[in-house]
Amino acid sequence: MENETKPQDFIREIIAKDVAKTKKKNGGRVITRFPPEPNGYLHIGHAKSICLNFGIAEEQKSVCHLRFDDTNPSKEEIEFADSIQEDVRWLGFDWGEHLYYASDYFDRLYDYALELIRKGKAYVCDLSPEEMREYRGTLTEPGRDSPFRDRTVEENIGQFERMTVGEFEDGERVLRAKIDMTSGNINLRDPVIYRIQHKAHHRTGDDWCIYPMYDFTHGISDSIEGITHSLCTLEFEDHRPLYDWFLDQLDMDCHPQQIEFSRLNISHTVLSKRVLRKLVEDEHVSGWDDPRMPTIVGMRRRGYTPLAIRNFCESVGIAKKSDSVVALAQLEHFVRDDLNRVAARVMAVMRPLKVVITNYPEGQVEELEAINNPEDESAGTRKLPFSKELYIDREDFMENPPKKFFRLTPGGEVRLRYAYFLRCDDVVKDDSGEVVELHCSYDPETRGGQAPDGRKVKATIHWLSAQHARRAEVREYNTLFTKEDPNDVSEGADFTENLNAESLVVLPKVFVEPSLAGAKIGARFQFEREGYYCVDLESTPEALVFNCTVPLRDTWAKVKKTVRKVAKKKVSKKSI
């Protein structure tokens, strides 16, 4: 897609103006970056940033760096860094040779800290964390100077060197920038730029026992890499003056332009890595890749497609206003829309009820032709075995049906999809009175679902040959939280109060077509009349497991239709 056809937003407009200027800003270069901290798995909110940063780089025929801001060894792991790279690639993006780590710059960052000390712009502070909070002030009250703020340059250099060689315990000393303790922006009240952590780093090992803070590292790393446009979410807006202050004090050659945009929030979903980590650690979910999680790896396991996520991120747009909440149904709409085009159709019986066709020849098996995907003629057809004993879904039969129930009933007739007309002649029950089997007869003249005498039936139901069907476990998912805003909890409680006890429903005795025995992990299918399903990574040919990706019903499409109707009514009233 050419640049002029790309959806416009305020960030792209800024970049377009920068590139179009006679004296091109940054020499006409546009270099973006995606800078995650490797302290958890990426979620759908990160996908929006990935699509924006890498998308702009593609449009500008430029590059987007992938940089890990790995400055906190107590929370970061190689596992997270590896998963992030896998997720970015899965979404369809590549950083080429531009993979970086903030830890690559630890030596330079240390030298920059010394430069600030020599310029009288940083000092070593002995206040405890509790004392620092007290001295910091509040949003309405200014802070107070630390009693160690006026140390000499020589004293600060000596103290900083002692921190570096490990003479102090964690929290015993910090290095702080000397800015303004009375600033209305709390981020400028002498922020910490180095702290002591006697913990091995996942890349540098035990080389360091002091580590730079994120706010000190982030902007400087952007500058070192020559980033031209530093795109981040709104919560970093108040940090921008601090990033600029560091770059100005250090006379950095490259001064990236930071532009903030609204972050993505989704109903019934939490997108805080801290909360997601708690869900995993407290075993409310089975792991970061639990299909109920909003992580990219969880969505991939559930059966979401990269294109669906990218289309969704494009649809929500880039705004510079306050954060808003997007309906979960909107995301599911794009998943459903993509799978409708690419997923093969199969039949599955979720709650099986046995059917014996009394007039079907004993031992006979015939193969009937079924369409693989009506949206894609090239997908072709497949063969379905048909025999004397079948499974149908229990919900497709009622012994005492209400009005307008057109599926199978005693004496009633239905069409078996791709097969024959079927009439229920007798009902078999167990000692408790539950229906356990139906005895039916078929019309051999209706092969393919059409009657030569022109008679019609009002319902078509799906089925499977009992002899050939493969048993499977199916996992159905509801929202992980019961409330649209999971953080809306009673006083003294936390988000777990809104966890949905029925977010996972396991159907242990489902039957599927025999062809699915060889389905690969991750393969996606539409179970006709049910929804879209994906082969789970725990599945084996002997024990099939499927995750429900999304149901067939598209609630978001209905929401959009209602909105359009309301809008038309408003227009017509105004015109009158």
Protein backbone atom coordinates (compact mmCIF):
# COMPACT_ATOMS: atom_id res chain seq x y z
CA MET A 1 0.00 0.00 0.00
CA GLU A 2 1.43 3.39 -1.03
CA ASN A 3 1.95 6.16 1.52
CA GLU A 4 -0.87 8.35 0.18
CA THR A 5 -3.43 5.60 0.75
CA LYS A 6 -2.34 4.94 4.33
CA PRO A 7 -4.74 6.04 7.06
CA GLN A 8 -3.60 9.38 8.44
CA ASP A 9 -3.22 10.33 12.06
CA PHE A 10 -1.61 13.22 13.86
CA ILE A 11 1.74 11.41 14.25
CA ARG A 12 1.98 10.60 10.56
CA GLU A 13 1.02 14.18 9.77
CA ILE A 14 3.88 15.47 11.95
CA ILE A 15 6.33 13.12 10.27
CA ALA A 16 5.07 14.02 6.81
CA LYS A 17 5.67 17.72 7.55
CA ASP A 18 9.16 16.97 8.88
CA VAL A 19 10.05 15.10 5.71
CA ALA A 20 8.41 17.61 3.38
CA LYS A 21 10.22 20.69 4.72
CA THR A 22 12.64 22.40 2.32
CA LYS A 23 15.30 22.09 4.97
CA LYS A 24 14.39 18.58 5.91
CA LYS A 25 14.41 17.84 9.62
CA ASN A 26 16.97 15.17 10.57
CA GLY A 27 18.15 15.29 6.97
CA GLY A 28 14.90 13.68 5.90
CA ARG A 29 15.58 10.58 8.00
CA VAL A 30 12.81 8.87 9.97
CA ILE A 31 14.03 6.31 12.48
CA THR A 32 11.60 4.87 15.03
CA ARG A 33 12.02 2.28 17.75
CA PHE A 34 10.04 -0.18 19.82
CA PRO A 35 11.68 -0.25 23.28
CA PRO A 36 10.10 -2.89 25.56
CA GLU A 37 11.39 -3.79 28.99
CA PRO A 38 12.03 -7.57 29.10
CA ASN A 39 10.08 -8.01 32.33
CA GLY A 40 7.04 -9.81 30.94
CA TYR A 41 5.29 -10.95 27.79
CA LEU A 42 3.90 -8.46 25.29
CA HIS A 43 0.14 -7.84 25.22
CA ILE A 44 -2.35 -6.39 22.73
CA GLY A 45 -1.54 -2.86 23.93
CA HIS A 46 2.07 -3.37 22.85
CA ALA A 47 0.80 -4.59 19.48
CA LYS A 48 -0.63 -1.11 18.83
CA SER A 49 2.81 0.43 19.45
CA ILE A 50 4.54 -2.23 17.37
CA CYS A 51 2.21 -1.63 14.42
CA LEU A 52 2.68 2.14 14.71
CA ASN A 53 6.48 2.19 14.97
CA PHE A 54 7.26 -0.54 12.47
CA GLY A 55 4.40 0.59 10.23
CA ILE A 56 5.73 4.15 9.96
CA ALA A 57 9.23 2.81 9.26
CA GLU A 58 7.85 0.68 6.41
CA GLU A 59 5.91 3.61 4.96
CA GLN A 60 9.01 5.82 5.08
CA LYS A 61 11.20 3.03 3.65
CA SER A 62 13.29 3.41 6.78
CA VAL A 63 14.06 1.28 9.83
CA CYS A 64 12.57 0.65 13.23
CA HIS A 65 14.91 -0.45 16.00
CA LEU A 66 14.01 -3.13 18.50
CA ARG A 67 15.68 -2.14 21.75
CA PHE A 68 15.36 -3.78 25.12
CA ASP A 69 15.43 -1.26 27.97
CA ASP A 70 16.96 -3.84 30.29
CA THR A 71 18.00 -1.76 33.31
CA ASN A 72 16.31 -3.69 36.12
CA PRO A 73 17.85 -7.16 36.62
CA SER A 74 15.48 -8.00 39.48
CA LYS A 75 12.53 -8.31 37.07
CA GLU A 76 14.06 -9.09 33.68
CA GLU A 77 14.77 -12.46 32.11
CA ILE A 78 16.11 -13.91 28.86
CA GLU A 79 12.79 -15.74 28.50
CA PHE A 80 10.96 -12.44 28.15
CA ALA A 81 13.44 -11.00 25.66
CA ASP A 82 13.19 -14.12 23.48
CA SER A 83 9.40 -14.10 23.60
CA ILE A 84 9.27 -10.42 22.59
CA GLN A 85 11.37 -11.06 19.49
CA GLU A 86 9.15 -14.00 18.57
CA ASP A 87 5.99 -11.93 19.02
CA VAL A 88 7.24 -9.04 16.88
CA ARG A 89 8.20 -11.44 14.09
CA TRP A 90 4.87 -13.27 14.36
CA LEU A 91 3.04 -9.98 13.86
CA GLY A 92 4.91 -9.64 10.58
CA PHE A 93 7.67 -7.16 11.40
CA ASP A 94 11.45 -7.36 11.31
CA TRP A 95 14.16 -5.11 12.70
CA GLY A 96 16.92 -6.56 10.51
CA GLU A 97 20.30 -5.75 12.02
CA HIS A 98 18.87 -3.14 14.36
CA LEU A 99 18.57 -5.13 17.58
CA TYR A 100 19.87 -3.25 20.61
CA TYR A 101 19.95 -3.42 24.39
CA ALA A 102 20.24 -0.58 26.87
CA SER A 103 22.78 -2.79 28.62
CA ASP A 104 24.99 -2.31 25.54
CA TYR A 105 25.35 1.28 26.73
CA PHE A 106 26.09 0.69 30.41
CA ASP A 107 29.70 1.95 30.09
CA ARG A 108 28.58 5.08 28.23
CA LEU A 109 25.70 5.71 30.64
CA TYR A 110 28.15 5.51 33.55
CA ASP A 111 30.39 8.07 31.85
CA TYR A 112 27.38 10.33 31.27
CA ALA A 113 26.52 10.07 34.99
CA LEU A 114 30.08 11.12 35.87
CA GLU A 115 29.75 14.04 33.46
CA LEU A 116 26.63 15.21 35.25
CA ILE A 117 28.44 14.98 38.59
CA ARG A 118 31.40 17.00 37.28
CA LYS A 119 28.98 19.65 35.99
CA GLY A 120 27.37 19.89 39.41
CA LYS A 121 24.14 18.40 38.01
CA ALA A 122 24.08 15.15 40.03
CA TYR A 123 24.85 14.09 43.58
CA VAL A 124 24.96 10.97 45.74
CA CYS A 125 22.16 10.91 48.31
CA ASP A 126 22.10 8.84 51.52
CA LEU A 127 18.38 9.24 52.26
CA SER A 128 16.45 6.02 52.68
CA PRO A 129 13.62 5.32 50.21
CA GLU A 130 11.08 6.28 52.88
CA GLU A 131 12.88 9.55 53.61
CA MET A 132 13.12 10.36 49.91
CA ARG A 133 9.37 9.96 49.55
CA GLU A 134 8.87 12.31 52.49
CA TYR A 135 11.25 14.92 51.05
CA ARG A 136 9.72 14.67 47.60
CA GLY A 137 6.54 16.53 48.48
CA THR A 138 3.14 16.03 46.87
CA LEU A 139 1.22 17.23 43.85
CA THR A 140 0.14 20.28 45.82
CA GLU A 141 3.20 20.79 48.05
CA PRO A 142 6.81 21.38 46.90
CA GLY A 143 9.59 19.04 47.89
CA ARG A 144 12.55 19.76 50.15
CA ASP A 145 16.24 19.64 49.32
CA SER A 146 18.12 16.57 50.47
CA PRO A 147 20.69 17.30 53.21
CA PHE A 148 23.26 15.70 50.87
CA ARG A 149 22.42 17.92 47.89
CA ASP A 150 25.36 20.29 48.44
CA ARG A 151 28.13 17.70 48.46
CA THR A 152 31.16 18.79 46.47
CA VAL A 153 31.93 17.34 43.07
CA GLU A 154 34.90 15.47 44.57
CA GLU A 155 32.76 14.00 47.35
CA ASN A 156 30.10 12.88 44.86
CA ILE A 157 32.64 11.26 42.55
CA GLY A 158 34.17 9.42 45.50
CA GLN A 159 30.80 8.24 46.79
CA PHE A 160 29.72 7.16 43.29
CA GLU A 161 32.90 5.14 42.83
CA ARG A 162 32.28 3.44 46.17
CA MET A 163 28.77 2.59 45.00
CA THR A 164 30.27 1.14 41.82
CA VAL A 165 32.69 -1.21 43.58
CA GLY A 166 30.00 -2.54 45.90
CA GLU A 167 30.83 -0.90 49.24
CA PHE A 168 27.17 -0.19 50.02
CA GLU A 169 24.09 -2.34 50.44
CA ASP A 170 21.00 -2.09 48.23
CA GLY A 171 19.13 1.15 48.95
CA GLU A 172 21.96 2.63 51.04
CA ARG A 173 22.96 5.18 48.38
CA VAL A 174 21.54 6.53 45.12
CA LEU A 175 22.74 8.98 42.51
CA ARG A 176 20.24 11.77 41.88
CA ALA A 177 19.99 14.49 39.25
CA LYS A 178 20.10 18.00 40.70
CA ILE A 179 17.18 19.81 39.08
CA ASP A 180 14.42 21.50 41.13
CA MET A 181 12.73 20.19 44.27
CA THR A 182 10.00 22.81 43.94
CA SER A 183 9.03 21.94 40.36
CA GLY A 184 5.35 21.43 39.63
CA ASN A 185 6.41 18.34 37.67
CA ILE A 186 7.33 15.77 40.30
CA ASN A 187 9.52 13.94 37.78
CA LEU A 188 11.93 16.91 37.95
CA ARG A 189 12.32 16.84 41.74
CA ASP A 190 15.86 15.48 41.78
CA PRO A 191 15.02 12.05 40.32
CA VAL A 192 17.15 8.99 41.02
CA ILE A 193 19.34 8.11 38.05
CA TYR A 194 21.41 5.23 39.54
CA ARG A 195 20.58 2.74 42.27
CA ILE A 196 22.40 -0.18 43.88
CA GLN A 197 21.28 -3.72 43.06
CA HIS A 198 23.56 -6.58 44.01
CA LYS A 199 21.97 -8.84 41.43
CA ALA A 200 23.34 -10.44 38.27
CA HIS A 201 22.07 -9.04 34.99
CA HIS A 202 20.81 -11.48 32.34
CA ARG A 203 23.34 -10.10 29.81
CA THR A 204 26.18 -8.47 31.78
CA GLY A 205 26.31 -10.97 34.63
CA ASP A 206 28.04 -9.61 37.74
CA ASP A 207 29.89 -6.81 35.96
CA TRP A 208 27.77 -4.19 37.70
CA CYS A 209 26.14 -3.73 41.08
CA ILE A 210 24.68 -0.32 40.20
CA TYR A 211 22.12 0.12 37.42
CA PRO A 212 20.75 3.22 35.65
CA MET A 213 17.10 4.11 36.07
CA TYR A 214 14.71 3.84 33.14
CA ASP A 215 14.12 7.61 32.89
CA PHE A 216 17.85 8.27 32.69
CA THR A 217 18.51 5.49 30.21
CA HIS A 218 15.57 5.76 27.83
CA GLY A 219 16.07 9.15 26.19
CA ILE A 220 19.84 8.80 26.10
CA SER A 221 19.55 5.40 24.40
CA ASP A 222 17.26 6.95 21.79
CA SER A 223 19.85 9.66 21.20
CA ILE A 224 22.75 7.21 20.93
CA GLU A 225 20.85 5.26 18.27
CA GLY A 226 19.89 8.35 16.29
CA ILE A 227 16.15 7.92 16.78
CA THR A 228 14.31 10.82 15.14
CA HIS A 229 10.77 10.25 16.40
CA SER A 230 10.29 8.72 19.84
CA LEU A 231 6.69 7.54 19.97
CA CYS A 232 5.23 6.60 23.35
CA THR A 233 1.95 6.50 25.24
CA LEU A 234 0.45 9.35 27.24
CA GLU A 235 1.73 8.27 30.65
CA PHE A 236 5.22 9.37 29.52
CA GLU A 237 4.13 12.92 28.66
CA ASP A 238 5.21 14.26 32.07
CA HIS A 239 8.55 12.47 31.68
CA ARG A 240 9.41 14.28 28.44
CA PRO A 241 10.84 17.40 30.22
CA LEU A 242 13.16 15.10 32.18
CA TYR A 243 14.37 13.31 29.03
CA ASP A 244 14.98 16.69 27.42
CA TRP A 245 16.85 17.93 30.50
CA PHE A 246 19.29 15.01 30.39
CA LEU A 247 19.94 15.47 26.67
CA ASP A 248 20.44 19.22 27.09
CA GLN A 249 22.82 18.87 30.06
CA LEU A 250 24.90 16.28 28.20
CA ASP A 251 24.93 18.22 24.91
CA MET A 252 23.81 15.14 22.98
CA ASP A 253 24.09 15.49 19.20
CA CYS A 254 20.76 13.77 18.49
CA HIS A 255 17.67 15.10 20.24
CA PRO A 256 14.72 12.76 19.39
CA GLN A 257 11.27 14.30 19.14
CA GLN A 258 8.99 12.58 21.64
CA ILE A 259 5.34 12.35 20.60
CA GLU A 260 2.73 10.85 22.91
CA PHE A 261 -0.44 9.05 21.89
CA SER A 262 -3.31 7.42 23.77
CA ARG A 263 -2.77 3.90 24.99
CA LEU A 264 -5.07 1.02 24.13
CA ASN A 265 -7.55 -0.28 26.70
CA ILE A 266 -10.01 -3.09 26.03
CA SER A 267 -13.19 -3.87 27.94
CA HIS A 268 -13.16 -6.80 30.40
CA THR A 269 -9.37 -6.84 30.05
CA VAL A 270 -6.35 -5.74 32.08
CA LEU A 271 -3.27 -4.51 30.20
CA SER A 272 -0.89 -3.91 33.09
CA LYS A 273 2.20 -6.12 33.07
CA ARG A 274 2.26 -5.96 36.86
CA VAL A 275 -1.30 -7.32 37.03
CA LEU A 276 -0.68 -9.88 34.30
CA ARG A 277 2.37 -11.11 36.17
CA LYS A 278 0.25 -11.46 39.33
CA LEU A 279 -2.36 -13.46 37.40
CA VAL A 280 0.39 -15.86 36.35
CA GLU A 281 2.27 -16.04 39.65
CA ASP A 282 -0.92 -16.54 41.71
CA GLU A 283 -2.07 -19.22 39.22
CA HIS A 284 -5.33 -17.55 38.28
CA VAL A 285 -4.31 -18.60 34.74
CA SER A 286 -2.11 -21.43 33.49
CA GLY A 287 0.68 -19.14 32.27
CA TRP A 288 1.54 -16.15 30.10
CA ASP A 289 0.24 -18.07 27.09
CA ASP A 290 -3.11 -18.95 28.66
CA PRO A 291 -5.66 -18.30 25.86
CA ARG A 292 -7.65 -16.07 28.22
CA MET A 293 -4.69 -13.70 28.61
CA PRO A 294 -4.42 -10.54 26.45
CA THR A 295 -0.79 -11.40 25.75
CA ILE A 296 0.22 -11.84 22.13
CA VAL A 297 1.44 -15.36 22.89
CA GLY A 298 -1.91 -16.11 24.56
CA MET A 299 -3.84 -14.79 21.58
CA ARG A 300 -1.66 -16.80 19.22
CA ARG A 301 -2.38 -19.96 21.21
CA ARG A 302 -6.09 -19.15 21.16
CA GLY A 303 -6.03 -18.93 17.37
CA TYR A 304 -5.94 -15.20 16.64
CA THR A 305 -4.13 -14.30 13.42
CA PRO A 306 -1.43 -11.64 12.95
CA LEU A 307 -3.48 -9.94 10.24
CA ALA A 308 -6.52 -9.72 12.52
CA ILE A 309 -4.50 -8.03 15.25
CA ARG A 310 -2.89 -5.61 12.80
CA ASN A 311 -6.26 -4.73 11.27
CA PHE A 312 -7.69 -4.18 14.73
CA CYS A 313 -4.82 -1.89 15.74
CA GLU A 314 -5.30 0.10 12.55
CA SER A 315 -9.04 0.39 13.19
CA VAL A 316 -8.68 1.89 16.68
CA GLY A 317 -6.45 4.61 15.27
CA ILE A 318 -3.89 6.87 16.91
CA ALA A 319 -5.25 9.66 19.08
CA LYS A 320 -3.53 12.29 21.22
CA LYS A 321 -6.40 12.66 23.66
CA SER A 322 -6.98 10.77 26.89
CA ASP A 323 -7.07 7.01 26.90
CA SER A 324 -10.34 5.34 25.89
CA VAL A 325 -11.76 1.83 26.15
CA VAL A 326 -12.38 -0.28 23.04
CA ALA A 327 -15.01 -3.02 23.15
CA LEU A 328 -13.58 -6.54 23.19
CA ALA A 329 -16.18 -7.37 20.53
CA GLN A 330 -14.34 -5.06 18.13
CA LEU A 331 -11.17 -7.14 18.40
CA GLU A 332 -13.15 -10.37 17.98
CA HIS A 333 -14.82 -8.91 14.88
CA PHE A 334 -11.47 -8.61 13.10
CA VAL A 335 -10.42 -12.11 14.20
CA ARG A 336 -13.69 -13.52 12.89
CA ASP A 337 -13.45 -11.53 9.66
CA ASP A 338 -9.99 -12.94 8.86
CA LEU A 339 -10.78 -16.51 9.88
CA ASN A 340 -13.95 -16.47 7.78
CA ARG A 341 -11.74 -16.17 4.71
CA VAL A 342 -9.01 -18.63 5.61
CA ALA A 343 -10.36 -21.25 8.03
CA ALA A 344 -11.42 -24.64 6.69
CA ARG A 345 -14.95 -25.73 7.61
CA VAL A 346 -15.42 -28.95 9.54
CA MET A 347 -18.19 -30.53 11.57
CA ALA A 348 -17.95 -31.14 15.29
CA VAL A 349 -20.53 -32.45 17.73
CA MET A 350 -20.04 -30.63 21.01
CA ARG A 351 -22.66 -32.45 23.14
CA PRO A 352 -23.17 -35.81 21.42
CA LEU A 353 -26.42 -37.72 21.17
CA LYS A 354 -26.31 -41.07 19.40
CA VAL A 355 -28.52 -41.75 16.37
CA VAL A 356 -29.16 -45.21 14.89
CA ILE A 357 -30.52 -45.21 11.34
CA THR A 358 -32.65 -48.34 11.43
CA ASN A 359 -33.14 -48.64 7.65
CA TYR A 360 -29.51 -48.00 6.70
CA PRO A 361 -27.64 -51.15 5.51
CA GLU A 362 -25.59 -52.80 8.23
CA GLY A 363 -21.84 -52.37 7.69
CA GLN A 364 -22.21 -49.93 4.81
CA VAL A 365 -20.05 -46.80 4.70
CA GLU A 366 -20.29 -44.19 1.98
CA GLU A 367 -18.35 -41.01 1.40
CA LEU A 368 -20.17 -37.74 0.95
CA GLU A 369 -18.67 -34.57 -0.47
CA ALA A 370 -18.40 -31.44 1.70
CA ILE A 371 -17.19 -27.92 0.90
CA ASN A 372 -14.02 -26.83 2.70
CA ASN A 373 -14.64 -23.08 2.58
CA PRO A 374 -17.51 -21.37 0.74
CA GLU A 375 -15.48 -18.12 0.82
CA ASP A 376 -12.60 -19.72 -1.09
CA GLU A 377 -13.34 -21.96 -4.08
CA SER A 378 -9.68 -22.95 -4.30
CA ALA A 379 -10.00 -24.68 -0.90
CA GLY A 380 -11.85 -27.50 -2.68
CA THR A 381 -13.86 -30.25 -1.05
CA ARG A 382 -13.37 -33.15 1.33
CA LYS A 383 -14.96 -36.57 1.91
CA LEU A 384 -17.11 -37.33 4.95
CA PRO A 385 -17.82 -40.94 5.96
CA PHE A 386 -21.50 -41.76 6.54
CA SER A 387 -22.68 -44.90 8.33
CA LYS A 388 -25.55 -46.50 10.23
CA GLU A 389 -24.70 -44.89 13.58
CA LEU A 390 -24.21 -41.15 13.91
CA TYR A 391 -23.70 -38.48 16.51
CA ILE A 392 -25.76 -35.31 16.43
CA ASP A 393 -25.70 -32.42 18.89
CA ARG A 394 -28.03 -32.92 21.83
CA GLU A 395 -29.31 -29.37 21.35
CA ASP A 396 -30.60 -30.34 17.89
CA PHE A 397 -33.26 -32.63 19.42
CA MET A 398 -36.23 -31.90 21.68
CA GLU A 399 -38.81 -34.44 22.73
CA ASN A 400 -41.42 -31.81 23.64
CA PRO A 401 -40.44 -28.80 21.53
CA PRO A 402 -41.83 -25.28 21.84
CA LYS A 403 -43.24 -23.48 18.83
CA LYS A 404 -40.70 -22.52 16.17
CA PHE A 405 -38.32 -25.30 17.12
CA PHE A 406 -37.55 -26.70 13.66
CA ARG A 407 -34.82 -29.19 14.43
CA LEU A 408 -35.30 -32.88 15.14
CA THR A 409 -38.37 -33.96 17.10
CA PRO A 410 -40.30 -37.28 17.42
CA GLY A 411 -41.93 -37.80 14.03
CA GLY A 412 -40.17 -34.73 12.65
CA GLU A 413 -37.78 -34.57 9.71
CA VAL A 414 -34.55 -32.61 9.19
CA ARG A 415 -31.75 -32.44 6.67
CA LEU A 416 -28.36 -33.86 7.61
CA ARG A 417 -25.79 -31.46 6.14
CA TYR A 418 -24.33 -32.81 2.88
CA ALA A 419 -26.23 -36.08 3.47
CA TYR A 420 -29.91 -37.13 3.64
CA PHE A 421 -33.28 -36.31 5.13
CA LEU A 422 -33.66 -37.94 8.54
CA ARG A 423 -36.86 -38.67 10.51
CA CYS A 424 -37.00 -39.48 14.21
CA ASP A 425 -39.10 -42.62 14.81
CA ASP A 426 -38.30 -43.62 18.40
CA VAL A 427 -36.64 -42.25 21.54
CA VAL A 428 -34.54 -44.41 23.90
CA LYS A 429 -34.15 -43.30 27.51
CA ASP A 430 -32.15 -44.53 30.48
CA ASP A 431 -33.56 -45.35 33.93
CA SER A 432 -33.48 -41.67 34.94
CA GLY A 433 -35.56 -40.68 31.95
CA GLU A 434 -32.74 -38.99 30.06
CA VAL A 435 -32.70 -39.42 26.29
CA VAL A 436 -29.63 -41.48 25.37
CA GLU A 437 -30.35 -42.60 21.81
CA LEU A 438 -32.60 -41.88 18.85
CA HIS A 439 -33.84 -44.45 16.37
CA CYS A 440 -34.37 -42.79 13.03
CA SER A 441 -34.93 -43.58 9.37
CA TYR A 442 -33.41 -41.89 6.36
CA ASP A 443 -34.69 -41.31 2.84
CA PRO A 444 -32.10 -42.78 0.43
CA GLU A 445 -33.59 -40.67 -2.40
CA THR A 446 -32.45 -37.44 -0.73
CA ARG A 447 -28.68 -37.85 -1.03
CA GLY A 448 -27.06 -34.42 -1.06
CA GLY A 449 -29.96 -32.94 0.89
CA GLN A 450 -32.55 -32.57 -1.87
CA ALA A 451 -35.87 -34.45 -2.10
CA PRO A 452 -37.00 -35.60 -5.60
CA ASP A 453 -40.64 -35.09 -4.64
CA GLY A 454 -39.94 -31.44 -3.78
CA ARG A 455 -40.76 -31.66 -0.08
CA LYS A 456 -38.99 -29.23 2.18
CA VAL A 457 -37.58 -29.32 5.69
CA LYS A 458 -37.00 -26.28 7.85
CA ALA A 459 -33.71 -27.23 9.49
CA THR A 460 -30.31 -28.58 8.61
CA ILE A 461 -28.21 -30.09 11.38
CA HIS A 462 -24.64 -31.35 11.49
CA TRP A 463 -23.57 -34.88 12.31
CA LEU A 464 -20.66 -37.31 12.40
CA SER A 465 -20.29 -40.98 11.72
CA ALA A 466 -19.94 -42.60 15.17
CA GLN A 467 -17.63 -45.23 13.72
CA HIS A 468 -15.19 -42.70 12.30
CA ALA A 469 -15.44 -39.63 14.54
CA ARG A 470 -12.47 -38.70 16.69
CA ARG A 471 -12.93 -37.76 20.31
CA ALA A 472 -11.55 -34.39 21.44
CA GLU A 473 -11.47 -31.97 24.35
CA VAL A 474 -12.75 -28.48 23.59
CA ARG A 475 -12.01 -25.45 25.75
CA GLU A 476 -14.56 -22.66 25.58
CA TYR A 477 -13.58 -19.21 26.85
CA ASN A 478 -15.48 -16.31 28.33
CA THR A 479 -14.02 -12.98 29.43
CA LEU A 480 -11.43 -13.29 32.18
CA PHE A 481 -13.22 -10.56 34.14
CA THR A 482 -16.92 -10.10 34.79
CA LYS A 483 -16.87 -6.29 34.70
CA GLU A 484 -16.21 -4.07 31.73
CA ASP A 485 -13.68 -2.22 33.89
CA PRO A 486 -11.85 -4.93 35.90
CA ASN A 487 -10.29 -2.28 38.14
CA ASP A 488 -13.70 -1.21 39.40
CA VAL A 489 -13.59 -2.99 42.77
CA SER A 490 -14.96 -2.45 46.23
CA GLU A 491 -12.91 -0.57 48.81
CA GLY A 492 -10.06 -2.63 50.21
CA ALA A 493 -10.25 -5.24 47.44
CA ASP A 494 -8.23 -5.67 44.26
CA PHE A 495 -8.82 -6.65 40.64
CA THR A 496 -9.15 -10.36 41.50
CA GLU A 497 -12.59 -9.56 42.91
CA ASN A 498 -13.82 -9.32 39.31
CA LEU A 499 -12.29 -12.56 38.02
CA ASN A 500 -14.79 -14.65 36.11
CA ALA A 501 -15.15 -18.14 37.62
CA GLU A 502 -16.58 -19.35 34.29
CA SER A 503 -13.88 -17.88 32.06
CA LEU A 504 -12.90 -21.44 31.07
CA VAL A 505 -15.42 -24.20 30.34
CA VAL A 506 -14.03 -27.58 29.30
CA LEU A 507 -16.10 -29.93 27.13
CA PRO A 508 -14.36 -33.28 27.59
CA LYS A 509 -16.40 -35.41 25.17
CA VAL A 510 -16.60 -33.70 21.81
CA PHE A 511 -16.45 -35.55 18.51
CA VAL A 512 -14.80 -34.14 15.39
CA GLU A 513 -14.22 -35.27 11.81
CA PRO A 514 -11.61 -38.01 11.42
CA SER A 515 -9.44 -35.78 9.20
CA LEU A 516 -8.62 -33.62 12.22
CA ALA A 517 -6.59 -36.40 13.80
CA GLY A 518 -3.61 -35.16 11.77
CA ALA A 519 -4.21 -31.44 12.30
CA LYS A 520 -1.08 -29.51 13.21
CA ILE A 521 -0.77 -27.46 16.38
CA GLY A 522 -2.01 -23.96 15.68
CA ALA A 523 -4.23 -24.98 12.76
CA ARG A 524 -7.51 -23.05 12.68
CA PHE A 525 -10.95 -24.35 11.70
CA GLN A 526 -14.54 -23.26 11.69
CA PHE A 527 -16.68 -25.79 13.51
CA GLU A 528 -19.86 -25.25 11.51
CA ARG A 529 -22.66 -23.56 13.44
CA GLU A 530 -20.37 -23.27 16.48
CA GLY A 531 -17.39 -20.97 15.97
CA TYR A 532 -13.71 -20.84 15.13
CA TYR A 533 -11.33 -23.21 16.86
CA CYS A 534 -7.58 -23.75 17.03
CA VAL A 535 -5.54 -26.89 17.73
CA ASP A 536 -3.94 -26.33 21.14
CA LEU A 537 -0.25 -26.93 21.77
CA GLU A 538 -1.18 -29.71 24.26
CA SER A 539 -3.01 -31.60 21.52
CA THR A 540 -1.76 -34.96 20.23
CA PRO A 541 -3.17 -37.33 17.55
CA GLU A 542 -4.30 -39.59 20.41
CA ALA A 543 -5.78 -36.80 22.56
CA LEU A 544 -7.02 -33.88 20.49
CA VAL A 545 -7.47 -30.51 22.20
CA PHE A 546 -9.11 -27.45 20.62
CA ASN A 547 -9.40 -23.88 21.87
CA CYS A 548 -12.40 -21.78 20.97
CA THR A 549 -10.96 -18.72 19.20
CA VAL A 550 -14.19 -16.77 18.73
CA PRO A 551 -17.85 -17.78 18.39
CA LEU A 552 -19.65 -17.28 15.09
CA ARG A 553 -21.88 -14.50 16.42
CA ASP A 554 -20.42 -11.09 15.65
CA THR A 555 -21.69 -8.71 18.32
CA TRP A 556 -19.50 -5.85 17.10
CA ALA A 557 -21.10 -5.94 13.65
CA LYS A 558 -24.48 -5.51 15.35
CA VAL A 559 -23.15 -2.63 17.44
CA LYS A 560 -21.89 -0.83 14.32
CA LYS A 561 -25.20 -1.41 12.56
CA THR A 562 -27.13 0.05 15.50
CA VAL A 563 -24.82 3.08 15.63
CA ARG A 564 -25.37 3.71 11.92
CA LYS A 565 -29.15 3.49 12.35
CA VAL A 566 -29.09 5.94 15.25
CA ALA A 567 -26.87 8.30 13.26
CA LYS A 568 -29.26 8.21 10.29
CA LYS A 569 -32.23 8.97 12.53
CA LYS A 570 -30.42 11.95 14.01
CA VAL A 571 -29.59 13.26 10.54
CA SER A 572 -33.17 12.88 9.30
CA LYS A 573 -34.60 14.69 12.35
CA LYS A 574 -32.12 17.51 11.89
CA SER A 575 -32.94 17.85 8.21
CA ILE A 576 -36.66 18.09 8.97
